[in-house]
């Protein structure tokens, strides 16, 4: 898998989106562009997460990581359609999936290793 970092923008979801999803607090949405156009999709990241975007072929990978709270998540989109996701939040699981360096690996390596558990 050849990954390249892409520019993304994060926003809070609108009041209407929040109401439609049945949330009491606004979630985050990510904005990105690909061959299919511009996309605005909700993601599971928290406000204090480090969020990065990557692309490989037709798929956009959104990596959310919080080293202080020791968790990582990856969401995969084809256009605005979710293709799958994974969330890992325990030391044992992080070591098992990512290896002994865990969240200290490069973002590219973390995305590649997590993506293997989505497909």
Protein backbone atom coordinates (compact mmCIF):
# COMPACT_ATOMS: atom_id res chain seq x y z
CA UNK A 1 0.00 0.00 0.00
CA UNK A 2 1.46 3.32 -1.09
CA UNK A 3 0.20 6.10 1.20
CA UNK A 4 0.49 9.81 0.78
CA UNK A 5 -0.46 12.44 3.31
CA UNK A 6 -3.34 14.67 2.23
CA UNK A 7 -4.63 17.99 3.53
CA UNK A 8 -7.75 17.75 5.66
CA UNK A 9 -9.81 20.23 7.64
CA UNK A 10 -11.71 19.50 10.86
CA UNK A 11 -14.94 21.17 11.93
CA UNK A 12 -17.57 20.64 14.59
CA UNK A 13 -20.73 19.15 13.19
CA UNK A 14 -23.67 21.49 12.72
CA UNK A 15 -26.63 21.65 15.08
CA UNK A 16 -28.73 19.87 12.44
CA UNK A 17 -26.18 17.05 12.06
CA UNK A 18 -25.95 16.73 15.83
CA UNK A 19 -29.74 16.50 16.16
CA UNK A 20 -30.02 13.98 13.31
CA UNK A 21 -27.37 11.75 14.92
CA UNK A 22 -29.05 12.05 18.34
CA UNK A 23 -25.97 13.50 20.05
CA UNK A 24 -26.03 16.00 22.91
CA UNK A 25 -22.54 17.26 22.08
CA UNK A 26 -21.22 18.05 18.63
CA UNK A 27 -18.87 15.54 17.02
CA UNK A 28 -16.13 16.22 14.54
CA UNK A 29 -16.40 16.13 10.78
CA UNK A 30 -13.50 15.91 8.38
CA UNK A 31 -13.39 17.74 5.07
CA UNK A 32 -11.26 16.40 2.24
CA UNK A 33 -11.14 16.29 -1.54
CA UNK A 34 -10.53 13.35 -3.86
CA UNK A 35 -11.24 12.45 -7.51
CA UNK A 36 -14.94 12.16 -6.68
CA UNK A 37 -15.15 15.69 -5.34
CA UNK A 38 -15.32 17.39 -1.96
CA UNK A 39 -16.46 15.41 1.06
CA UNK A 40 -17.68 16.27 4.55
CA UNK A 41 -18.03 13.19 6.75
CA UNK A 42 -18.43 12.65 10.51
CA UNK A 43 -15.56 10.90 12.27
CA UNK A 44 -15.14 9.32 15.68
CA UNK A 45 -12.19 11.46 16.77
CA UNK A 46 -12.24 13.57 19.91
CA UNK A 47 -11.36 17.25 20.13
CA UNK A 48 -7.95 16.57 21.70
CA UNK A 49 -6.94 13.88 19.18
CA UNK A 50 -4.22 14.31 16.59
CA UNK A 51 -5.96 13.70 13.26
CA UNK A 52 -4.16 13.10 9.96
CA UNK A 53 -5.36 12.22 6.47
CA UNK A 54 -3.82 9.81 3.97
CA UNK A 55 -4.75 8.44 0.57
CA UNK A 56 -4.04 5.23 -1.26
CA UNK A 57 -5.79 4.72 -4.58
CA UNK A 58 -9.50 5.56 -4.18
CA UNK A 59 -9.45 5.30 -0.40
CA UNK A 60 -8.97 8.03 2.18
CA UNK A 61 -7.61 7.03 5.58
CA UNK A 62 -8.30 9.21 8.63
CA UNK A 63 -5.98 8.44 11.54
CA UNK A 64 -7.00 9.67 15.01
CA UNK A 65 -4.50 9.27 17.80
CA UNK A 66 -4.24 10.37 21.41
CA UNK A 67 -0.96 9.37 23.05
CA UNK A 68 -1.95 10.86 26.42
CA UNK A 69 -5.05 8.64 26.61
CA UNK A 70 -3.27 5.79 24.79
CA UNK A 71 -5.64 5.08 21.92
CA UNK A 72 -5.67 5.11 18.15
CA UNK A 73 -8.38 4.82 15.52
CA UNK A 74 -8.46 4.52 11.76
CA UNK A 75 -11.44 5.20 9.51
CA UNK A 76 -11.43 4.42 5.79
CA UNK A 77 -13.60 6.19 3.22
CA UNK A 78 -14.19 5.78 -0.48
CA UNK A 79 -15.60 9.17 -1.32
CA UNK A 80 -18.12 9.86 1.47
CA UNK A 81 -18.86 6.17 1.99
CA UNK A 82 -17.37 4.52 5.07
CA UNK A 83 -15.46 1.35 4.18
CA UNK A 84 -14.67 0.40 7.78
CA UNK A 85 -12.87 1.40 10.93
CA UNK A 86 -10.85 0.13 13.86
CA UNK A 87 -10.33 1.55 17.36
CA UNK A 88 -7.64 0.26 19.72
CA UNK A 89 -7.33 1.52 23.28
CA UNK A 90 -5.60 -0.98 25.54
CA UNK A 91 -1.84 -1.40 25.99
CA UNK A 92 -2.03 -5.11 25.24
CA UNK A 93 -4.08 -4.60 22.07
CA UNK A 94 -1.86 -1.75 20.86
CA UNK A 95 1.25 -3.90 21.38
CA UNK A 96 -0.42 -6.89 19.72
CA UNK A 97 -1.54 -4.95 16.63
CA UNK A 98 1.16 -2.30 16.22
CA UNK A 99 4.12 -4.00 17.88
CA UNK A 100 6.25 -3.05 20.90
CA UNK A 101 6.83 0.53 19.71
CA UNK A 102 3.05 1.06 19.66
CA UNK A 103 2.02 4.66 19.13
CA UNK A 104 5.68 5.72 18.73
CA UNK A 105 5.72 4.38 15.16
CA UNK A 106 5.37 6.75 12.21
CA UNK A 107 1.83 7.66 11.19
CA UNK A 108 2.33 5.87 7.85
CA UNK A 109 3.30 2.63 9.59
CA UNK A 110 0.38 2.85 12.02
CA UNK A 111 -2.09 3.35 9.14
CA UNK A 112 -0.67 0.39 7.19
CA UNK A 113 -0.81 -1.93 10.20
CA UNK A 114 -4.31 -0.90 11.27
CA UNK A 115 -5.67 -1.09 7.72
CA UNK A 116 -4.83 -4.79 7.68
CA UNK A 117 -7.47 -5.33 10.38
CA UNK A 118 -10.20 -3.52 8.45
CA UNK A 119 -10.07 -5.61 5.27
